[in-house]
Structures are given as structure tokens and as C-alpha cells.
Amino acid sequence: MLTQDQVVQFQEDGFLLFEELINGDRLARYVEIFDELVERGRGLQEPASHFSLELETDGSPIPGLLHKVQGVCVVAPRILELASEPAILDRVSALLGPDLDVFGTKFFPKLPGGGTSTHWHQDNYYFGTTSERVVSCGCYLEAANPDNGCLRVVPGSHRSRRIVEHRQKQGMHGSWTDVDEAAAVDIAVPGGSVVLFSANLLHGTNDNRSNRSRYSTAWHYIPGDLALERFPRAGYEDRHNVLGG
């Protein structure tokens, strides 16, 4: 559950941080699963279904350097247990209600020496909506700080519900935008921490320039009755009911 102060903070700032929410043997078990996915990535010379590789500046893939597993709960169904952790769902349901789906599940290993995840963007840009009923979730399986590319946010940037212009750039995955860096805040966290944030919030990360990885997942919770044209409850393989239904 959330306190009333936490609900107000989410409405005002657009995010909530819960340090070391997942810990002990459960955290270690999830990390082992992600280690297996990274090992699979090392064997790739080219991108494969669900698996993308980091890019050279000319846009060509870097063999063996995993960038992302898209649809990680489809590739490794055991990870749906992480998306269904009661400690997470108790907090999300306080924002969205008792009938919850999760969709768009991703794993970013952010490997040493330049691993990337996402630069400045808004999740709802990709979803074709400005709905406030989409709550994004980042689970940080390993400690994250500015050196290895922790989450960065622009507090309050969700309140206008306006999707800003995004663009693509050669040598980078996805579509990104620019922000006033003076308004940005680094969210450094210990391993096992969870961040919930509005899908309208401007957020991103820097690249990993350290000698250690920064395993994280990203996915999005919505009420079961929210009809997203691109992600229908029936027929989209990476939308899963995790509470109620």
C-alpha cells in the first residue's frame, strides 16, 4: 500500500522510489535468470527474435554485446514472477486499482564499457496515448549510480500530459528527445530497488562507462479495462494479467 503522502508525491513529481524492495534469495534467483540471458546474447553475431545488440556509431550491431531482451516475460516466463511480486503489486494497485495487467516487458543488462538502455523519452510516446493510467516500473537488480547509468528523471514533467517531439539517430536504439539538464535528477539506488513512474514522465539514462553491469527491467502496469490499441488484452503476447482479472 501507499501512504496518502506517497500518492500526492507521485501525482506531483511523477515517480516513487522503493529501495531494496526485492532482496535476499529472491533477488539472487532473478539475477541468475538474467545471467543466463546475457550468456545467450554473447553467442549472437546478429540481432535475433526478442534480442537486440548494442550498436556501433554507423548503426551496425556489436556481436555478443546484448542491448535488450524485448518481451522478456515471453522469453523467460519465470520473470513474470518478478512483475507479480506482491510488494510491487500492492503499491501499483494503490495507484491503478485491483485489476492489473503488465505489458511491454524488457530486460536491459547495460553491460560494462558502453552498455545502453534508454536516453531521454516518454514511454507513452511509444504507446499512442497520454493516459495517466499507465504506470511504468523499473526494477534495478544491481546497484545503479551515475557511473553505470542510473535512471534520470525530470520531476513534474508528466503533469502537462503533452508528448514532446522525439527523433531517431544513427547508432542509437529507439527515439529520443532533449531536456533541460539542469532540471534532471539522478536516481541512484542499491540493488533490488524499484521505481514506479508516470508513462508521461521524461526520463532516460546515460551510457554505462563503468566496469560493472547494471541489470534492470522495465515494464508497464495498466488497469485491465484500459484498451490500448497497440497492446490489446487479448491477442498481444506480452500483455499479462498479474492481479485480479
Protein backbone atom coordinates (compact mmCIF):
# COMPACT_ATOMS: atom_id res chain seq x y z
CA MET A 1 0.00 0.00 0.00
CA LEU A 2 0.93 3.65 -0.29
CA THR A 3 0.50 6.45 2.19
CA GLN A 4 -1.50 9.49 1.16
CA ASP A 5 1.77 11.46 1.08
CA GLN A 6 3.22 8.96 -1.39
CA VAL A 7 0.15 9.21 -3.62
CA VAL A 8 0.49 13.00 -3.61
CA GLN A 9 4.22 12.73 -4.33
CA PHE A 10 3.51 10.51 -7.33
CA GLN A 11 0.92 12.98 -8.62
CA GLU A 12 3.29 15.95 -8.17
CA ASP A 13 6.73 14.52 -9.02
CA GLY A 14 5.67 11.66 -11.27
CA PHE A 15 7.71 8.92 -9.59
CA LEU A 16 8.25 6.94 -6.38
CA LEU A 17 11.40 5.09 -5.26
CA PHE A 18 11.39 1.98 -3.07
CA GLU A 19 14.89 0.93 -2.09
CA GLU A 20 15.78 -2.78 -1.78
CA LEU A 21 12.16 -3.86 -2.20
CA ILE A 22 13.34 -7.18 -3.66
CA ASN A 23 16.15 -8.80 -1.69
CA GLY A 24 17.83 -11.95 -0.42
CA ASP A 25 17.36 -15.27 -2.19
CA ARG A 26 14.60 -13.96 -4.45
CA LEU A 27 16.83 -11.21 -5.81
CA ALA A 28 19.69 -13.69 -6.32
CA ARG A 29 17.38 -16.07 -8.21
CA TYR A 30 16.24 -13.35 -10.60
CA VAL A 31 19.85 -12.28 -11.23
CA GLU A 32 20.71 -15.88 -12.17
CA ILE A 33 17.97 -15.88 -14.81
CA PHE A 34 19.28 -12.63 -16.27
CA ASP A 35 22.82 -14.03 -16.26
CA GLU A 36 21.51 -16.83 -18.50
CA LEU A 37 20.03 -14.29 -20.93
CA VAL A 38 23.30 -12.34 -21.08
CA GLU A 39 25.12 -15.59 -21.85
CA ARG A 40 22.69 -16.28 -24.71
CA GLY A 41 23.43 -12.80 -26.00
CA ARG A 42 27.16 -13.48 -26.06
CA GLY A 43 26.58 -16.11 -28.70
CA LEU A 44 24.80 -13.74 -31.11
CA GLN A 45 26.51 -12.26 -34.14
CA GLU A 46 23.34 -10.51 -35.28
CA PRO A 47 20.10 -9.47 -33.56
CA ALA A 48 17.63 -12.32 -33.06
CA SER A 49 13.96 -12.57 -32.14
CA HIS A 50 13.47 -10.62 -28.88
CA PHE A 51 17.26 -9.98 -28.60
CA SER A 52 18.91 -6.75 -29.77
CA LEU A 53 22.64 -5.93 -29.67
CA GLU A 54 24.47 -2.72 -28.90
CA LEU A 55 25.31 -0.61 -31.96
CA GLU A 56 28.43 0.87 -33.48
CA THR A 57 28.24 4.56 -34.43
CA ASP A 58 27.42 3.51 -38.01
CA GLY A 59 24.43 1.52 -36.77
CA SER A 60 25.92 -1.95 -37.21
CA PRO A 61 25.41 -4.46 -34.34
CA ILE A 62 28.27 -5.31 -31.97
CA PRO A 63 28.50 -9.13 -31.84
CA GLY A 64 27.89 -10.64 -28.40
CA LEU A 65 27.10 -7.33 -26.63
CA LEU A 66 23.46 -7.61 -25.56
CA HIS A 67 21.45 -4.39 -25.51
CA LYS A 68 17.93 -5.55 -24.66
CA VAL A 69 15.60 -8.50 -24.44
CA GLN A 70 12.19 -7.27 -25.59
CA GLY A 71 9.33 -9.37 -24.27
CA VAL A 72 11.48 -10.81 -21.50
CA CYS A 73 8.45 -12.39 -19.81
CA VAL A 74 7.76 -14.24 -23.06
CA VAL A 75 11.38 -15.36 -23.48
CA ALA A 76 11.83 -16.26 -19.79
CA PRO A 77 8.37 -16.75 -18.21
CA ARG A 78 9.93 -17.05 -14.74
CA ILE A 79 10.47 -13.27 -14.85
CA LEU A 80 6.71 -12.80 -14.69
CA GLU A 81 7.14 -13.70 -11.01
CA LEU A 82 9.17 -10.50 -10.58
CA ALA A 83 6.47 -8.45 -12.32
CA SER A 84 3.97 -10.13 -9.97
CA GLU A 85 5.87 -9.60 -6.71
CA PRO A 86 3.28 -8.70 -4.03
CA ALA A 87 5.45 -5.87 -2.74
CA ILE A 88 5.26 -4.26 -6.19
CA LEU A 89 1.62 -5.00 -6.94
CA ASP A 90 0.47 -3.71 -3.54
CA ARG A 91 1.94 -0.33 -4.43
CA VAL A 92 0.81 -0.24 -8.05
CA SER A 93 -2.76 -1.24 -7.14
CA ALA A 94 -2.92 1.76 -4.80
CA LEU A 95 -2.48 3.91 -7.93
CA LEU A 96 -4.44 1.91 -10.52
CA GLY A 97 -6.86 -0.39 -8.70
CA PRO A 98 -7.11 -4.15 -8.08
CA ASP A 99 -7.30 -5.46 -11.68
CA LEU A 100 -3.82 -5.14 -13.23
CA ASP A 101 -2.07 -6.15 -16.42
CA VAL A 102 1.60 -5.72 -17.23
CA PHE A 103 2.86 -5.28 -20.79
CA GLY A 104 5.95 -4.35 -22.76
CA THR A 105 8.37 -6.31 -20.57
CA LYS A 106 12.07 -5.61 -21.18
CA PHE A 107 15.48 -6.52 -19.76
CA PHE A 108 18.42 -4.14 -20.09
CA PRO A 109 21.74 -5.69 -18.96
CA LYS A 110 23.63 -2.43 -19.52
CA LEU A 111 26.96 -4.21 -19.79
CA PRO A 112 30.31 -2.61 -18.91
CA GLY A 113 32.13 -0.39 -21.36
CA GLY A 114 29.29 1.46 -23.03
CA GLY A 115 26.14 -0.56 -22.46
CA THR A 116 23.00 1.47 -23.10
CA SER A 117 19.34 1.30 -22.22
CA THR A 118 17.31 4.43 -22.95
CA HIS A 119 18.03 8.11 -23.47
CA TRP A 120 15.53 10.91 -22.78
CA HIS A 121 11.99 9.94 -23.77
CA GLN A 122 8.41 9.43 -22.58
CA ASP A 123 7.02 5.89 -22.53
CA ASN A 124 3.60 6.99 -23.72
CA TYR A 125 5.21 8.22 -26.94
CA TYR A 126 5.52 4.54 -27.90
CA PHE A 127 2.05 3.60 -26.66
CA GLY A 128 -0.02 6.09 -28.64
CA THR A 129 -1.69 7.58 -25.56
CA THR A 130 -1.32 10.25 -22.89
CA SER A 131 -3.29 8.26 -20.33
CA GLU A 132 -2.36 8.75 -16.69
CA ARG A 133 -3.45 5.14 -16.10
CA VAL A 134 -0.13 3.75 -17.36
CA VAL A 135 2.44 3.30 -14.59
CA SER A 136 5.93 2.32 -15.68
CA CYS A 137 8.17 0.26 -13.44
CA GLY A 138 11.94 -0.07 -13.32
CA CYS A 139 13.41 -2.91 -11.23
CA TYR A 140 17.12 -2.45 -10.57
CA LEU A 141 18.63 -5.86 -9.86
CA GLU A 142 22.07 -4.35 -9.34
CA ALA A 143 23.22 -1.09 -7.79
CA ALA A 144 22.86 1.87 -10.14
CA ASN A 145 24.62 5.23 -9.97
CA PRO A 146 25.73 7.89 -12.47
CA ASP A 147 28.86 5.88 -13.38
CA ASN A 148 26.97 2.86 -14.71
CA GLY A 149 23.97 4.81 -15.94
CA CYS A 150 21.27 5.07 -13.29
CA LEU A 151 17.77 6.29 -14.07
CA ARG A 152 17.40 10.03 -14.59
CA VAL A 153 14.08 11.89 -14.43
CA VAL A 154 12.69 15.39 -14.84
CA PRO A 155 10.35 15.68 -11.83
CA GLY A 156 6.91 17.06 -12.66
CA SER A 157 7.37 16.77 -16.43
CA HIS A 158 4.37 14.44 -16.64
CA ARG A 159 1.81 16.96 -15.44
CA SER A 160 1.15 18.65 -18.79
CA ARG A 161 0.25 15.26 -20.35
CA ARG A 162 1.94 16.54 -23.51
CA ILE A 163 4.09 14.20 -25.58
CA VAL A 164 7.12 16.14 -26.82
CA GLU A 165 8.81 15.64 -30.18
CA HIS A 166 11.02 12.55 -30.38
CA ARG A 167 13.56 11.68 -33.07
CA GLN A 168 15.90 8.87 -34.08
CA LYS A 169 19.68 8.97 -34.50
CA GLN A 170 22.01 6.56 -36.28
CA GLY A 171 23.91 4.37 -33.85
CA MET A 172 21.24 4.64 -31.16
CA HIS A 173 18.26 2.43 -30.39
CA GLY A 174 14.81 3.99 -30.10
CA SER A 175 13.54 7.55 -30.37
CA TRP A 176 14.71 10.31 -28.04
CA THR A 177 14.28 13.95 -27.14
CA ASP A 178 16.21 16.72 -25.38
CA VAL A 179 15.60 18.15 -21.91
CA ASP A 180 16.89 20.92 -19.72
CA GLU A 181 19.69 19.04 -17.95
CA ALA A 182 19.52 21.48 -15.04
CA ALA A 183 16.06 20.11 -14.23
CA ALA A 184 17.19 16.45 -14.31
CA VAL A 185 17.66 14.31 -11.20
CA ASP A 186 19.79 11.15 -10.91
CA ILE A 187 18.07 8.25 -9.14
CA ALA A 188 20.98 6.28 -7.64
CA VAL A 189 19.77 3.07 -5.97
CA PRO A 190 21.05 -0.11 -4.32
CA GLY A 191 20.32 -3.46 -5.92
CA GLY A 192 16.77 -4.73 -5.50
CA SER A 193 15.21 -1.27 -5.75
CA VAL A 194 12.03 -0.45 -7.66
CA VAL A 195 10.97 2.85 -9.22
CA LEU A 196 7.36 3.50 -10.26
CA PHE A 197 6.75 6.44 -12.57
CA SER A 198 4.20 8.01 -14.87
CA ALA A 199 4.44 6.93 -18.50
CA ASN A 200 4.23 10.65 -19.36
CA LEU A 201 7.37 11.45 -17.31
CA LEU A 202 10.53 12.49 -19.15
CA HIS A 203 13.22 10.01 -18.17
CA GLY A 204 16.34 8.33 -19.50
CA THR A 205 19.85 7.21 -18.60
CA ASN A 206 23.44 7.86 -19.54
CA ASP A 207 25.53 5.08 -21.05
CA ASN A 208 27.46 2.72 -18.79
CA ARG A 209 31.09 3.86 -18.66
CA SER A 210 32.00 1.76 -15.62
CA ASN A 211 33.49 -1.73 -15.34
CA ARG A 212 30.32 -3.30 -13.92
CA SER A 213 26.91 -4.16 -15.30
CA ARG A 214 23.57 -2.57 -14.36
CA TYR A 215 20.85 -5.17 -14.76
CA SER A 216 17.37 -3.72 -14.85
CA THR A 217 13.91 -4.49 -16.14
CA ALA A 218 11.29 -2.09 -17.45
CA TRP A 219 7.58 -2.73 -17.95
CA HIS A 220 4.25 -1.01 -17.63
CA TYR A 221 1.19 -1.65 -15.46
CA ILE A 222 -2.32 -0.73 -16.58
CA PRO A 223 -5.85 -1.44 -15.35
CA GLY A 224 -7.29 -4.49 -17.07
CA ASP A 225 -10.08 -2.41 -18.60
CA LEU A 226 -7.70 0.06 -20.28
CA ALA A 227 -7.93 -0.57 -24.01
CA LEU A 228 -4.63 0.22 -25.72
CA GLU A 229 -4.99 -0.27 -29.46
CA ARG A 230 -1.36 -1.35 -29.90
CA PHE A 231 -1.43 -3.69 -26.90
CA PRO A 232 -4.85 -5.40 -26.68
CA ARG A 233 -5.61 -7.54 -23.64
CA ALA A 234 -6.45 -10.45 -25.91
CA GLY A 235 -4.03 -11.12 -28.73
CA TYR A 236 -0.82 -9.34 -27.63
CA GLU A 237 1.56 -11.98 -26.30
CA ASP A 238 3.46 -9.64 -23.96
CA ARG A 239 0.43 -8.39 -22.03
CA HIS A 240 -0.17 -10.44 -18.88
CA ASN A 241 -2.78 -10.31 -16.14
CA VAL A 242 -0.96 -10.11 -12.80
CA LEU A 243 -3.70 -9.15 -10.34
CA GLY A 244 -7.47 -9.62 -10.30
CA GLY A 245 -8.92 -10.24 -13.72
